[in-house]
């Protein structure tokens, strides 16, 4: 016979509401790591090549007039020119402007303004070469000018130049102007011209004068003062190495009176190998 259970609730009344949930229990420990996944799959195919980008140009031209001999292109000057758009130039970059017909004329400069969407270009001149003025210039990028190199060694001395023409002969003061007067008392008086060109003589009585030691080209002056009343005369004998030729082939005569003096000039020239020529000249009378 089955057992029948009788509950107090069935006897006393209906079941009450469910009570609140109790607190969560503590977290359990982490389980072991599962096995690794499968192998990496194969790489996918390469995508198609993209279109070629626009070409970048770093060369241009300008038709602005630039005069390399003028102060307007001096080092440190800022210059503005018109050029082409879409160049690679940027502020701080160095460029070189070269004359299209002669590359020895150029400006090295640093860009101070350039907008690729416009045609204006400004730069500060850093280096200059040449003196040409033109309006046809090529523009290219360049590097910063390097520092000056060390001074080279002194080169060897060049060959001596040709000797220039001989200059004019400087005037030479004649010697003997302050020497004492020589008395002519008769006979022959020899005048040594080795260190004297001017002789002052006092004619006391008729005498002969002979020149000696005269150099080629040397001019000798003999002043004869006539201080007597008898009008004695002086005769110039030929030197031992030559002959005296008087001007106009006329031998001088005594002065017109006893008071004046007469001045005679003699210049020695070489006429041929065996004898010299002395050119004699009566320079006139003087009241001295």
C-alpha atoms as a PDB file:
ATOM      1  CA  UNK A   1       0.000   0.000   0.000  1.00  0.00           C
ATOM      2  CA  UNK A   2       1.655   3.250  -1.007  1.00  0.00           C
ATOM      3  CA  UNK A   3       2.753   5.731   1.655  1.00  0.00           C
ATOM      4  CA  UNK A   4       0.880   8.980   1.630  1.00  0.00           C
ATOM      5  CA  UNK A   5       2.783  12.166   2.711  1.00  0.00           C
ATOM      6  CA  UNK A   6       0.829  14.891   4.297  1.00  0.00           C
ATOM      7  CA  UNK A   7       2.440  18.399   4.323  1.00  0.00           C
ATOM      8  CA  UNK A   8       1.791  21.091   6.795  1.00  0.00           C
ATOM      9  CA  UNK A   9       1.270  23.582   4.028  1.00  0.00           C
ATOM     10  CA  UNK A  10      -1.444  21.506   2.546  1.00  0.00           C
ATOM     11  CA  UNK A  11      -3.103  21.628   5.821  1.00  0.00           C
ATOM     12  CA  UNK A  12      -2.452  25.233   6.878  1.00  0.00           C
ATOM     13  CA  UNK A  13      -2.951  27.211   3.566  1.00  0.00           C
ATOM     14  CA  UNK A  14      -1.475  28.411   0.109  1.00  0.00           C
ATOM     15  CA  UNK A  15       2.332  28.625  -0.716  1.00  0.00           C
ATOM     16  CA  UNK A  16       4.037  32.018   0.018  1.00  0.00           C
ATOM     17  CA  UNK A  17       6.120  34.118  -2.500  1.00  0.00           C
ATOM     18  CA  UNK A  18       9.659  33.161  -3.550  1.00  0.00           C
ATOM     19  CA  UNK A  19      12.356  34.682  -1.368  1.00  0.00           C
ATOM     20  CA  UNK A  20      15.219  36.921  -2.707  1.00  0.00           C
ATOM     21  CA  UNK A  21      18.235  35.397  -4.483  1.00  0.00           C
ATOM     22  CA  UNK A  22      21.189  34.729  -2.332  1.00  0.00           C
ATOM     23  CA  UNK A  23      24.628  36.377  -3.013  1.00  0.00           C
ATOM     24  CA  UNK A  24      26.817  35.209  -5.953  1.00  0.00           C
ATOM     25  CA  UNK A  25      29.332  32.687  -5.029  1.00  0.00           C
ATOM     26  CA  UNK A  26      33.115  33.163  -5.543  1.00  0.00           C
ATOM     27  CA  UNK A  27      34.622  32.996  -9.096  1.00  0.00           C
ATOM     28  CA  UNK A  28      36.127  29.744  -9.861  1.00  0.00           C
ATOM     29  CA  UNK A  29      39.721  29.288 -11.077  1.00  0.00           C
ATOM     30  CA  UNK A  30      40.589  29.848 -14.855  1.00  0.00           C
ATOM     31  CA  UNK A  31      40.502  26.763 -16.846  1.00  0.00           C
ATOM     32  CA  UNK A  32      43.421  25.485 -18.917  1.00  0.00           C
ATOM     33  CA  UNK A  33      44.202  27.168 -22.360  1.00  0.00           C
ATOM     34  CA  UNK A  34      42.670  25.419 -25.204  1.00  0.00           C
ATOM     35  CA  UNK A  35      44.696  24.088 -28.129  1.00  0.00           C
ATOM     36  CA  UNK A  36      46.118  26.569 -30.833  1.00  0.00           C
ATOM     37  CA  UNK A  37      44.021  27.317 -33.844  1.00  0.00           C
ATOM     38  CA  UNK A  38      44.797  26.112 -37.322  1.00  0.00           C
ATOM     39  CA  UNK A  39      47.690  27.308 -39.614  1.00  0.00           C
ATOM     40  CA  UNK A  40      47.771  30.852 -41.241  1.00  0.00           C
ATOM     41  CA  UNK A  41      46.013  30.931 -44.517  1.00  0.00           C
ATOM     42  CA  UNK A  42      47.812  31.814 -47.810  1.00  0.00           C
ATOM     43  CA  UNK A  43      48.472  35.525 -48.817  1.00  0.00           C
ATOM     44  CA  UNK A  44      45.991  37.039 -51.131  1.00  0.00           C
ATOM     45  CA  UNK A  45      46.996  38.189 -54.666  1.00  0.00           C
ATOM     46  CA  UNK A  46      48.728  41.650 -55.197  1.00  0.00           C
ATOM     47  CA  UNK A  47      46.456  44.482 -56.105  1.00  0.00           C
ATOM     48  CA  UNK A  48      46.811  46.293 -59.469  1.00  0.00           C
ATOM     49  CA  UNK A  49      49.560  48.997 -59.928  1.00  0.00           C
ATOM     50  CA  UNK A  50      48.292  52.496 -59.292  1.00  0.00           C
ATOM     51  CA  UNK A  51      48.520  55.273 -61.906  1.00  0.00           C
ATOM     52  CA  UNK A  52      51.850  57.166 -62.357  1.00  0.00           C
ATOM     53  CA  UNK A  53      51.971  60.389 -60.372  1.00  0.00           C
ATOM     54  CA  UNK A  54      52.707  63.750 -61.962  1.00  0.00           C
ATOM     55  CA  UNK A  55      56.371  64.418 -62.910  1.00  0.00           C
ATOM     56  CA  UNK A  56      58.274  66.862 -60.672  1.00  0.00           C
ATOM     57  CA  UNK A  57      60.434  69.440 -62.479  1.00  0.00           C
ATOM     58  CA  UNK A  58      63.286  71.314 -60.796  1.00  0.00           C
ATOM     59  CA  UNK A  59      64.405  73.270 -63.894  1.00  0.00           C
ATOM     60  CA  UNK A  60      62.941  76.478 -65.228  1.00  0.00           C
ATOM     61  CA  UNK A  61      63.702  79.732 -67.019  1.00  0.00           C
ATOM     62  CA  UNK A  62      63.105  83.424 -66.635  1.00  0.00           C
ATOM     63  CA  UNK A  63      63.111  86.231 -69.175  1.00  0.00           C
ATOM     64  CA  UNK A  64      63.598  88.976 -66.606  1.00  0.00           C
ATOM     65  CA  UNK A  65      66.530  91.274 -67.306  1.00  0.00           C
ATOM     66  CA  UNK A  66      69.459  90.778 -64.911  1.00  0.00           C
ATOM     67  CA  UNK A  67      72.646  92.868 -65.085  1.00  0.00           C
ATOM     68  CA  UNK A  68      75.525  91.151 -63.272  1.00  0.00           C
ATOM     69  CA  UNK A  69      77.645  94.320 -63.419  1.00  0.00           C
ATOM     70  CA  UNK A  70      75.033  96.355 -61.527  1.00  0.00           C
ATOM     71  CA  UNK A  71      74.548  96.760 -57.782  1.00  0.00           C
ATOM     72  CA  UNK A  72      71.003  95.404 -58.173  1.00  0.00           C
ATOM     73  CA  UNK A  73      72.502  91.882 -58.388  1.00  0.00           C
ATOM     74  CA  UNK A  74      75.089  92.294 -55.630  1.00  0.00           C
ATOM     75  CA  UNK A  75      75.565  89.557 -53.027  1.00  0.00           C
ATOM     76  CA  UNK A  76      72.932  89.950 -50.300  1.00  0.00           C
ATOM     77  CA  UNK A  77      70.358  91.524 -52.626  1.00  0.00           C
ATOM     78  CA  UNK A  78      66.869  89.995 -52.900  1.00  0.00           C
ATOM     79  CA  UNK A  79      65.566  89.686 -56.478  1.00  0.00           C
ATOM     80  CA  UNK A  80      62.092  88.746 -57.747  1.00  0.00           C
ATOM     81  CA  UNK A  81      61.516  87.216 -61.200  1.00  0.00           C
ATOM     82  CA  UNK A  82      58.748  85.550 -63.166  1.00  0.00           C
ATOM     83  CA  UNK A  83      59.118  81.853 -63.993  1.00  0.00           C
ATOM     84  CA  UNK A  84      56.988  78.698 -64.422  1.00  0.00           C
ATOM     85  CA  UNK A  85      54.569  76.942 -62.039  1.00  0.00           C
ATOM     86  CA  UNK A  86      54.816  73.486 -60.417  1.00  0.00           C
ATOM     87  CA  UNK A  87      58.556  73.443 -59.787  1.00  0.00           C
ATOM     88  CA  UNK A  88      60.230  71.639 -56.902  1.00  0.00           C
ATOM     89  CA  UNK A  89      61.711  74.821 -55.449  1.00  0.00           C
ATOM     90  CA  UNK A  90      61.047  75.608 -51.792  1.00  0.00           C
ATOM     91  CA  UNK A  91      62.049  78.317 -49.340  1.00  0.00           C
ATOM     92  CA  UNK A  92      65.616  77.759 -48.141  1.00  0.00           C
ATOM     93  CA  UNK A  93      66.623  75.764 -51.227  1.00  0.00           C
ATOM     94  CA  UNK A  94      69.624  76.883 -53.276  1.00  0.00           C
ATOM     95  CA  UNK A  95      69.241  77.566 -56.981  1.00  0.00           C
ATOM     96  CA  UNK A  96      71.556  78.746 -59.740  1.00  0.00           C
ATOM     97  CA  UNK A  97      70.586  81.119 -62.541  1.00  0.00           C
ATOM     98  CA  UNK A  98      72.903  80.654 -65.524  1.00  0.00           C
ATOM     99  CA  UNK A  99      73.067  82.771 -68.669  1.00  0.00           C
ATOM    100  CA  UNK A 100      71.911  80.457 -71.456  1.00  0.00           C
ATOM    101  CA  UNK A 101      74.586  81.673 -73.870  1.00  0.00           C
ATOM    102  CA  UNK A 102      77.514  81.741 -71.428  1.00  0.00           C
ATOM    103  CA  UNK A 103      77.547  79.560 -68.303  1.00  0.00           C
ATOM    104  CA  UNK A 104      80.424  81.559 -66.788  1.00  0.00           C
ATOM    105  CA  UNK A 105      77.857  84.248 -65.976  1.00  0.00           C
ATOM    106  CA  UNK A 106      75.678  83.056 -63.105  1.00  0.00           C
ATOM    107  CA  UNK A 107      73.990  83.807 -59.759  1.00  0.00           C
ATOM    108  CA  UNK A 108      73.858  81.338 -56.866  1.00  0.00           C
ATOM    109  CA  UNK A 109      70.896  82.201 -54.625  1.00  0.00           C
ATOM    110  CA  UNK A 110      68.683  80.989 -51.773  1.00  0.00           C
ATOM    111  CA  UNK A 111      64.929  80.844 -52.408  1.00  0.00           C
ATOM    112  CA  UNK A 112      62.945  83.214 -50.159  1.00  0.00           C
ATOM    113  CA  UNK A 113      59.519  82.775 -51.831  1.00  0.00           C
ATOM    114  CA  UNK A 114      57.930  80.388 -54.344  1.00  0.00           C
ATOM    115  CA  UNK A 115      54.351  79.170 -54.727  1.00  0.00           C
ATOM    116  CA  UNK A 116      54.053  76.221 -57.153  1.00  0.00           C
ATOM    117  CA  UNK A 117      50.628  77.506 -58.173  1.00  0.00           C
ATOM    118  CA  UNK A 118      51.976  80.914 -59.251  1.00  0.00           C
ATOM    119  CA  UNK A 119      54.869  82.172 -61.361  1.00  0.00           C
ATOM    120  CA  UNK A 120      56.568  84.405 -58.803  1.00  0.00           C
ATOM    121  CA  UNK A 121      60.035  83.481 -57.504  1.00  0.00           C
ATOM    122  CA  UNK A 122      62.147  85.502 -55.051  1.00  0.00           C
ATOM    123  CA  UNK A 123      65.681  84.721 -53.936  1.00  0.00           C
ATOM    124  CA  UNK A 124      68.654  86.223 -52.114  1.00  0.00           C
ATOM    125  CA  UNK A 125      71.934  86.386 -54.052  1.00  0.00           C
ATOM    126  CA  UNK A 126      74.717  84.438 -52.347  1.00  0.00           C
ATOM    127  CA  UNK A 127      77.381  84.333 -55.049  1.00  0.00           C
ATOM    128  CA  UNK A 128      77.917  86.045 -58.404  1.00  0.00           C
ATOM    129  CA  UNK A 129      80.192  85.494 -61.409  1.00  0.00           C
ATOM    130  CA  UNK A 130      80.458  87.521 -64.608  1.00  0.00           C
ATOM    131  CA  UNK A 131      79.387  90.986 -65.755  1.00  0.00           C
ATOM    132  CA  UNK A 132      76.865  90.272 -68.537  1.00  0.00           C
ATOM    133  CA  UNK A 133      73.405  91.816 -68.760  1.00  0.00           C
ATOM    134  CA  UNK A 134      70.714  89.640 -70.405  1.00  0.00           C
ATOM    135  CA  UNK A 135      67.119  88.382 -70.237  1.00  0.00           C
ATOM    136  CA  UNK A 136      67.615  84.687 -71.008  1.00  0.00           C
ATOM    137  CA  UNK A 137      68.417  82.736 -67.826  1.00  0.00           C
ATOM    138  CA  UNK A 138      68.171  79.028 -66.940  1.00  0.00           C
ATOM    139  CA  UNK A 139      67.166  78.106 -63.371  1.00  0.00           C
ATOM    140  CA  UNK A 140      68.264  74.859 -61.703  1.00  0.00           C
ATOM    141  CA  UNK A 141      68.707  73.559 -58.168  1.00  0.00           C
ATOM    142  CA  UNK A 142      72.200  73.524 -56.722  1.00  0.00           C
ATOM    143  CA  UNK A 143      73.991  72.875 -53.457  1.00  0.00           C
ATOM    144  CA  UNK A 144      75.011  75.324 -50.785  1.00  0.00           C
ATOM    145  CA  UNK A 145      78.330  76.977 -51.755  1.00  0.00           C
ATOM    146  CA  UNK A 146      81.141  75.356 -49.829  1.00  0.00           C
ATOM    147  CA  UNK A 147      83.686  77.241 -47.725  1.00  0.00           C
ATOM    148  CA  UNK A 148      86.734  78.765 -49.365  1.00  0.00           C
ATOM    149  CA  UNK A 149      89.605  76.346 -49.721  1.00  0.00           C
ATOM    150  CA  UNK A 150      93.048  76.938 -48.224  1.00  0.00           C
ATOM    151  CA  UNK A 151      95.410  79.349 -49.918  1.00  0.00           C
ATOM    152  CA  UNK A 152      97.685  77.544 -52.337  1.00  0.00           C
ATOM    153  CA  UNK A 153     101.445  77.717 -52.254  1.00  0.00           C
ATOM    154  CA  UNK A 154     103.233  80.527 -54.001  1.00  0.00           C
ATOM    155  CA  UNK A 155     104.021  79.687 -57.603  1.00  0.00           C
ATOM    156  CA  UNK A 156     107.443  79.878 -59.140  1.00  0.00           C
ATOM    157  CA  UNK A 157     108.738  83.192 -60.362  1.00  0.00           C
ATOM    158  CA  UNK A 158     107.874  83.840 -63.978  1.00  0.00           C
ATOM    159  CA  UNK A 159     110.323  84.776 -66.689  1.00  0.00           C
ATOM    160  CA  UNK A 160     111.603  88.317 -66.660  1.00  0.00           C
ATOM    161  CA  UNK A 161     109.824  90.614 -69.047  1.00  0.00           C
ATOM    162  CA  UNK A 162     111.493  92.377 -71.932  1.00  0.00           C
ATOM    163  CA  UNK A 163     113.693  95.330 -71.062  1.00  0.00           C
ATOM    164  CA  UNK A 164     111.853  98.582 -71.567  1.00  0.00           C
ATOM    165  CA  UNK A 165     113.193 101.414 -73.681  1.00  0.00           C
ATOM    166  CA  UNK A 166     115.950 103.563 -72.236  1.00  0.00           C
ATOM    167  CA  UNK A 167     114.547 106.632 -70.560  1.00  0.00           C
ATOM    168  CA  UNK A 168     115.745 110.142 -71.195  1.00  0.00           C
ATOM    169  CA  UNK A 169     119.128 111.070 -69.786  1.00  0.00           C
ATOM    170  CA  UNK A 170     118.781 113.151 -66.674  1.00  0.00           C
ATOM    171  CA  UNK A 171     120.473 116.525 -66.691  1.00  0.00           C
ATOM    172  CA  UNK A 172     123.958 116.448 -65.208  1.00  0.00           C
ATOM    173  CA  UNK A 173     125.379 119.447 -63.420  1.00  0.00           C
ATOM    174  CA  UNK A 174     128.631 120.585 -64.978  1.00  0.00           C
ATOM    175  CA  UNK A 175     131.629 120.466 -62.665  1.00  0.00           C
ATOM    176  CA  UNK A 176     134.115 123.246 -62.017  1.00  0.00           C
ATOM    177  CA  UNK A 177     131.795 126.256 -61.809  1.00  0.00           C
ATOM    178  CA  UNK A 178     133.141 127.199 -58.384  1.00  0.00           C
ATOM    179  CA  UNK A 179     136.811 126.432 -59.111  1.00  0.00           C
ATOM    180  CA  UNK A 180     139.441 129.185 -58.983  1.00  0.00           C
ATOM    181  CA  UNK A 181     140.319 131.189 -62.091  1.00  0.00           C
ATOM    182  CA  UNK A 182     143.316 130.021 -64.130  1.00  0.00           C
ATOM    183  CA  UNK A 183     145.829 132.665 -65.239  1.00  0.00           C
ATOM    184  CA  UNK A 184     147.057 132.371 -68.810  1.00  0.00           C
ATOM    185  CA  UNK A 185     150.560 133.859 -68.760  1.00  0.00           C
ATOM    186  CA  UNK A 186     151.804 132.593 -72.109  1.00  0.00           C
ATOM    187  CA  UNK A 187     152.850 129.231 -73.439  1.00  0.00           C
ATOM    188  CA  UNK A 188     150.492 126.248 -73.492  1.00  0.00           C
ATOM    189  CA  UNK A 189     148.098 125.516 -70.647  1.00  0.00           C
ATOM    190  CA  UNK A 190     146.600 122.024 -70.511  1.00  0.00           C
ATOM    191  CA  UNK A 191     143.089 121.763 -69.073  1.00  0.00           C
ATOM    192  CA  UNK A 192     142.388 118.337 -67.506  1.00  0.00           C
ATOM    193  CA  UNK A 193     138.743 117.514 -68.256  1.00  0.00           C
ATOM    194  CA  UNK A 194     138.645 114.186 -66.420  1.00  0.00           C
ATOM    195  CA  UNK A 195     136.599 115.682 -63.563  1.00  0.00           C
ATOM    196  CA  UNK A 196     135.811 119.212 -64.797  1.00  0.00           C
ATOM    197  CA  UNK A 197     133.612 120.691 -67.510  1.00  0.00           C
ATOM    198  CA  UNK A 198     133.832 124.424 -66.724  1.00  0.00           C
ATOM    199  CA  UNK A 199     137.092 126.357 -66.771  1.00  0.00           C
ATOM    200  CA  UNK A 200     137.454 130.066 -65.981  1.00  0.00           C
ATOM    201  CA  UNK A 201     140.609 131.594 -67.416  1.00  0.00           C
ATOM    202  CA  UNK A 202     142.186 135.052 -67.092  1.00  0.00           C
ATOM    203  CA  UNK A 203     144.167 135.929 -70.195  1.00  0.00           C
ATOM    204  CA  UNK A 204     147.229 137.858 -69.070  1.00  0.00           C
ATOM    205  CA  UNK A 205     149.185 137.347 -72.288  1.00  0.00           C
ATOM    206  CA  UNK A 206     148.663 135.392 -75.476  1.00  0.00           C
ATOM    207  CA  UNK A 207     148.499 131.707 -74.660  1.00  0.00           C
ATOM    208  CA  UNK A 208     147.609 128.322 -76.059  1.00  0.00           C
ATOM    209  CA  UNK A 209     145.002 126.031 -74.463  1.00  0.00           C
ATOM    210  CA  UNK A 210     144.903 122.281 -74.928  1.00  0.00           C
ATOM    211  CA  UNK A 211     142.159 119.966 -73.670  1.00  0.00           C
ATOM    212  CA  UNK A 212     142.960 116.506 -72.227  1.00  0.00           C
ATOM    213  CA  UNK A 213     141.076 113.495 -70.811  1.00  0.00           C
ATOM    214  CA  UNK A 214     137.794 114.395 -72.536  1.00  0.00           C
ATOM    215  CA  UNK A 215     135.184 111.632 -72.636  1.00  0.00           C
ATOM    216  CA  UNK A 216     133.001 110.914 -75.658  1.00  0.00           C
ATOM    217  CA  UNK A 217     129.916 113.122 -75.538  1.00  0.00           C
ATOM    218  CA  UNK A 218     131.365 115.353 -72.815  1.00  0.00           C
ATOM    219  CA  UNK A 219     130.791 119.083 -73.282  1.00  0.00           C
ATOM    220  CA  UNK A 220     133.541 121.442 -72.090  1.00  0.00           C
ATOM    221  CA  UNK A 221     133.086 125.173 -71.463  1.00  0.00           C
ATOM    222  CA  UNK A 222     136.045 127.560 -71.341  1.00  0.00           C
ATOM    223  CA  UNK A 223     135.405 131.162 -70.227  1.00  0.00           C
ATOM    224  CA  UNK A 224     138.293 133.481 -71.137  1.00  0.00           C
ATOM    225  CA  UNK A 225     138.371 136.916 -69.549  1.00  0.00           C
ATOM    226  CA  UNK A 226     140.412 139.474 -71.432  1.00  0.00           C
ATOM    227  CA  UNK A 227     141.767 141.912 -68.847  1.00  0.00           C
ATOM    228  CA  UNK A 228     144.629 143.602 -70.738  1.00  0.00           C
ATOM    229  CA  UNK A 229     144.697 146.439 -73.224  1.00  0.00           C
ATOM    230  CA  UNK A 230     146.943 144.786 -75.776  1.00  0.00           C
ATOM    231  CA  UNK A 231     144.128 142.498 -77.034  1.00  0.00           C
ATOM    232  CA  UNK A 232     146.225 139.392 -76.652  1.00  0.00           C
ATOM    233  CA  UNK A 233     144.506 136.290 -77.973  1.00  0.00           C
ATOM    234  CA  UNK A 234     144.136 132.667 -76.992  1.00  0.00           C
ATOM    235  CA  UNK A 235     144.621 129.741 -79.365  1.00  0.00           C
ATOM    236  CA  UNK A 236     143.054 126.321 -78.802  1.00  0.00           C
ATOM    237  CA  UNK A 237     145.383 123.541 -79.895  1.00  0.00           C
ATOM    238  CA  UNK A 238     143.981 120.250 -81.151  1.00  0.00           C
ATOM    239  CA  UNK A 239     143.780 117.594 -78.412  1.00  0.00           C
ATOM    240  CA  UNK A 240     146.185 114.683 -78.701  1.00  0.00           C
ATOM    241  CA  UNK A 241     143.363 112.264 -79.680  1.00  0.00           C
ATOM    242  CA  UNK A 242     141.492 114.369 -82.219  1.00  0.00           C
ATOM    243  CA  UNK A 243     140.857 117.560 -84.148  1.00  0.00           C
ATOM    244  CA  UNK A 244     138.813 120.658 -83.308  1.00  0.00           C
ATOM    245  CA  UNK A 245     136.304 121.666 -85.993  1.00  0.00           C
ATOM    246  CA  UNK A 246     134.920 125.150 -85.433  1.00  0.00           C
ATOM    247  CA  UNK A 247     131.368 126.096 -86.255  1.00  0.00           C
ATOM    248  CA  UNK A 248     131.119 127.383 -89.833  1.00  0.00           C
ATOM    249  CA  UNK A 249     134.836 126.533 -90.141  1.00  0.00           C
ATOM    250  CA  UNK A 250     135.627 129.909 -88.598  1.00  0.00           C
ATOM    251  CA  UNK A 251     138.356 130.241 -85.965  1.00  0.00           C
ATOM    252  CA  UNK A 252     137.158 132.622 -83.235  1.00  0.00           C
ATOM    253  CA  UNK A 253     138.654 136.078 -82.974  1.00  0.00           C
ATOM    254  CA  UNK A 254     139.322 138.173 -79.843  1.00  0.00           C
ATOM    255  CA  UNK A 255     136.430 140.182 -78.392  1.00  0.00           C
ATOM    256  CA  UNK A 256     135.624 143.639 -79.731  1.00  0.00           C
ATOM    257  CA  UNK A 257     136.894 145.299 -76.564  1.00  0.00           C
ATOM    258  CA  UNK A 258     139.102 144.413 -73.635  1.00  0.00           C
ATOM    259  CA  UNK A 259     136.317 144.352 -71.052  1.00  0.00           C
ATOM    260  CA  UNK A 260     134.137 141.435 -72.219  1.00  0.00           C
ATOM    261  CA  UNK A 261     134.837 137.774 -71.751  1.00  0.00           C
ATOM    262  CA  UNK A 262     134.286 135.077 -74.335  1.00  0.00           C
ATOM    263  CA  UNK A 263     132.757 131.632 -73.739  1.00  0.00           C
ATOM    264  CA  UNK A 264     133.840 128.668 -75.834  1.00  0.00           C
ATOM    265  CA  UNK A 265     132.191 125.243 -76.000  1.00  0.00           C
ATOM    266  CA  UNK A 266     133.773 121.954 -77.076  1.00  0.00           C
ATOM    267  CA  UNK A 267     131.940 118.623 -77.491  1.00  0.00           C
ATOM    268  CA  UNK A 268     133.806 115.418 -78.190  1.00  0.00           C
ATOM    269  CA  UNK A 269     132.287 112.922 -80.628  1.00  0.00           C
ATOM    270  CA  UNK A 270     133.832 109.777 -82.117  1.00  0.00           C
ATOM    271  CA  UNK A 271     134.218 110.235 -85.829  1.00  0.00           C
ATOM    272  CA  UNK A 272     136.197 107.125 -86.770  1.00  0.00           C
ATOM    273  CA  UNK A 273     138.438 104.556 -85.133  1.00  0.00           C
ATOM    274  CA  UNK A 274     141.710 106.518 -85.332  1.00  0.00           C
ATOM    275  CA  UNK A 275     140.685 109.990 -84.178  1.00  0.00           C
ATOM    276  CA  UNK A 276     137.930 111.894 -82.409  1.00  0.00           C
ATOM    277  CA  UNK A 277     136.164 115.016 -83.531  1.00  0.00           C
ATOM    278  CA  UNK A 278     135.772 118.006 -81.249  1.00  0.00           C
ATOM    279  CA  UNK A 279     133.017 120.406 -82.227  1.00  0.00           C
ATOM    280  CA  UNK A 280     134.100 123.899 -81.252  1.00  0.00           C
ATOM    281  CA  UNK A 281     131.731 126.832 -80.899  1.00  0.00           C
ATOM    282  CA  UNK A 282     132.157 130.491 -79.971  1.00  0.00           C
ATOM    283  CA  UNK A 283     129.160 131.213 -77.720  1.00  0.00           C
ATOM    284  CA  UNK A 284     129.760 134.963 -77.749  1.00  0.00           C
ATOM    285  CA  UNK A 285     130.911 137.821 -75.542  1.00  0.00           C
ATOM    286  CA  UNK A 286     129.834 138.400 -71.934  1.00  0.00           C
ATOM    287  CA  UNK A 287     130.511 141.255 -69.557  1.00  0.00           C
ATOM    288  CA  UNK A 288     131.773 139.116 -66.682  1.00  0.00           C
END
